[in-house]
């Protein structure tokens, strides 16, 4: 795996779009520079591994790497797809899935007033 610079990592922004509810690792690494990004090859990676604070996101084609490619790098929680499960199991026989509960707020297009109250903008006379 190849460690990328912050500038190289920023070019992979589309790998992490659109953002989804759940662990967000890639975008904060790109925005802050805190963390690391490794790829199987550069340019045109087929696998991207990003890490910050012991949390990882593993994306891409699991066929492009071997268990030995991952073993030196993963030491925490990994967010990935089911496609990587067999590879992770080979690299780390003790690996266990950890189902997360992610609460998502529903989108509201209109503000909802509580009870019989009306809403109005604050005016200078309210101070």
Protein backbone atom coordinates (compact mmCIF):
# COMPACT_ATOMS: atom_id res chain seq x y z
CA UNK A 1 0.00 0.00 0.00
CA UNK A 2 1.18 3.52 -0.81
CA UNK A 3 0.82 6.39 1.67
CA UNK A 4 -0.51 9.50 -0.08
CA UNK A 5 0.27 13.14 0.60
CA UNK A 6 -2.54 15.50 1.62
CA UNK A 7 -2.60 16.90 -1.91
CA UNK A 8 -2.93 13.44 -3.45
CA UNK A 9 -5.61 12.47 -0.93
CA UNK A 10 -7.66 15.56 -1.84
CA UNK A 11 -7.93 14.30 -5.43
CA UNK A 12 -9.88 11.26 -4.14
CA UNK A 13 -12.80 13.33 -2.84
CA UNK A 14 -15.23 11.63 -5.25
CA UNK A 15 -14.53 8.27 -3.52
CA UNK A 16 -16.35 9.61 -0.45
CA UNK A 17 -19.34 11.25 -2.15
CA UNK A 18 -22.16 11.47 -1.46
CA UNK A 19 -21.71 11.41 2.29
CA UNK A 20 -23.99 8.88 3.95
CA UNK A 21 -25.21 8.56 7.54
CA UNK A 22 -22.70 6.57 9.56
CA UNK A 23 -18.94 6.76 10.06
CA UNK A 24 -17.35 9.56 8.05
CA UNK A 25 -13.61 9.06 7.74
CA UNK A 26 -12.58 10.12 4.23
CA UNK A 27 -14.04 13.61 4.11
CA UNK A 28 -12.58 14.73 7.47
CA UNK A 29 -9.15 13.42 6.45
CA UNK A 30 -9.38 15.42 3.22
CA UNK A 31 -10.68 18.57 4.95
CA UNK A 32 -8.33 18.61 7.95
CA UNK A 33 -5.26 16.65 6.87
CA UNK A 34 -5.51 14.67 10.13
CA UNK A 35 -5.22 10.97 9.40
CA UNK A 36 -3.77 8.91 6.59
CA UNK A 37 -4.78 7.68 3.17
CA UNK A 38 -3.27 4.59 1.57
CA UNK A 39 -3.96 3.17 -1.88
CA UNK A 40 -3.02 -0.01 -3.71
CA UNK A 41 -1.50 1.95 -6.62
CA UNK A 42 -0.99 5.53 -7.72
CA UNK A 43 -2.38 7.00 -9.84
CA UNK A 44 -5.74 5.34 -10.53
CA UNK A 45 -6.15 3.39 -7.27
CA UNK A 46 -8.51 0.46 -7.09
CA UNK A 47 -8.50 0.31 -3.28
CA UNK A 48 -8.50 3.25 -0.84
CA UNK A 49 -7.90 2.90 2.91
CA UNK A 50 -8.33 6.03 5.03
CA UNK A 51 -7.75 6.30 8.78
CA UNK A 52 -8.24 8.84 11.49
CA UNK A 53 -8.22 8.27 15.26
CA UNK A 54 -8.16 4.48 14.90
CA UNK A 55 -11.20 4.39 12.61
CA UNK A 56 -10.87 3.19 9.03
CA UNK A 57 -12.83 3.23 5.79
CA UNK A 58 -11.91 0.64 3.17
CA UNK A 59 -13.29 1.19 -0.33
CA UNK A 60 -12.84 -0.18 -3.82
CA UNK A 61 -12.25 -3.57 -5.37
CA UNK A 62 -11.32 -6.30 -2.86
CA UNK A 63 -9.85 -8.36 -5.71
CA UNK A 64 -7.11 -5.73 -6.17
CA UNK A 65 -5.30 -6.53 -2.88
CA UNK A 66 -4.29 -9.50 -0.76
CA UNK A 67 -4.68 -10.09 3.00
CA UNK A 68 -0.95 -9.38 3.38
CA UNK A 69 -1.49 -5.91 1.89
CA UNK A 70 -3.83 -5.00 4.78
CA UNK A 71 -2.17 -6.69 7.76
CA UNK A 72 0.35 -3.94 8.60
CA UNK A 73 -2.26 -1.18 8.58
CA UNK A 74 -5.56 -2.06 10.26
CA UNK A 75 -5.70 -1.70 14.04
CA UNK A 76 -9.19 -0.46 14.81
CA UNK A 77 -12.74 -0.25 13.54
CA UNK A 78 -13.23 -0.67 9.79
CA UNK A 79 -16.21 0.64 7.85
CA UNK A 80 -16.48 -1.20 4.55
CA UNK A 81 -18.80 -3.16 2.31
CA UNK A 82 -19.70 -6.85 2.56
CA UNK A 83 -17.46 -7.44 -0.46
CA UNK A 84 -14.37 -6.93 1.74
CA UNK A 85 -15.56 -9.35 4.48
CA UNK A 86 -13.81 -12.48 3.09
CA UNK A 87 -10.54 -10.57 2.61
CA UNK A 88 -10.69 -9.13 6.14
CA UNK A 89 -11.44 -12.59 7.57
CA UNK A 90 -8.33 -13.98 5.84
CA UNK A 91 -6.16 -11.08 7.01
CA UNK A 92 -7.58 -11.10 10.56
CA UNK A 93 -9.19 -14.44 11.51
CA UNK A 94 -10.43 -12.91 14.78
CA UNK A 95 -12.37 -10.11 13.01
CA UNK A 96 -16.00 -9.73 14.05
CA UNK A 97 -18.74 -7.63 12.49
CA UNK A 98 -20.08 -4.90 14.70
CA UNK A 99 -23.51 -3.74 13.66
CA UNK A 100 -23.97 -0.05 14.28
CA UNK A 101 -27.24 1.73 14.83
CA UNK A 102 -27.36 4.99 12.91
CA UNK A 103 -30.22 7.36 13.64
CA UNK A 104 -31.16 9.60 10.74
CA UNK A 105 -33.31 12.68 11.08
CA UNK A 106 -36.07 12.88 8.50
CA UNK A 107 -35.93 15.79 6.09
CA UNK A 108 -38.47 18.53 6.81
CA UNK A 109 -39.12 21.04 4.09
CA UNK A 110 -41.31 23.31 6.25
CA UNK A 111 -40.78 24.31 9.88
CA UNK A 112 -43.46 22.87 12.13
CA UNK A 113 -45.05 25.09 14.77
CA UNK A 114 -45.68 23.52 18.17
CA UNK A 115 -49.32 23.45 19.29
CA UNK A 116 -51.39 26.60 18.84
CA UNK A 117 -48.40 28.94 18.71
CA UNK A 118 -47.48 31.03 15.70
CA UNK A 119 -43.98 31.74 14.48
CA UNK A 120 -42.66 35.17 13.55
CA UNK A 121 -39.32 36.76 12.90
CA UNK A 122 -37.67 38.62 15.75
CA UNK A 123 -37.78 42.39 15.43
CA UNK A 124 -35.63 45.12 17.05
CA UNK A 125 -38.48 45.78 19.47
CA UNK A 126 -38.01 42.25 20.88
CA UNK A 127 -34.72 43.23 22.55
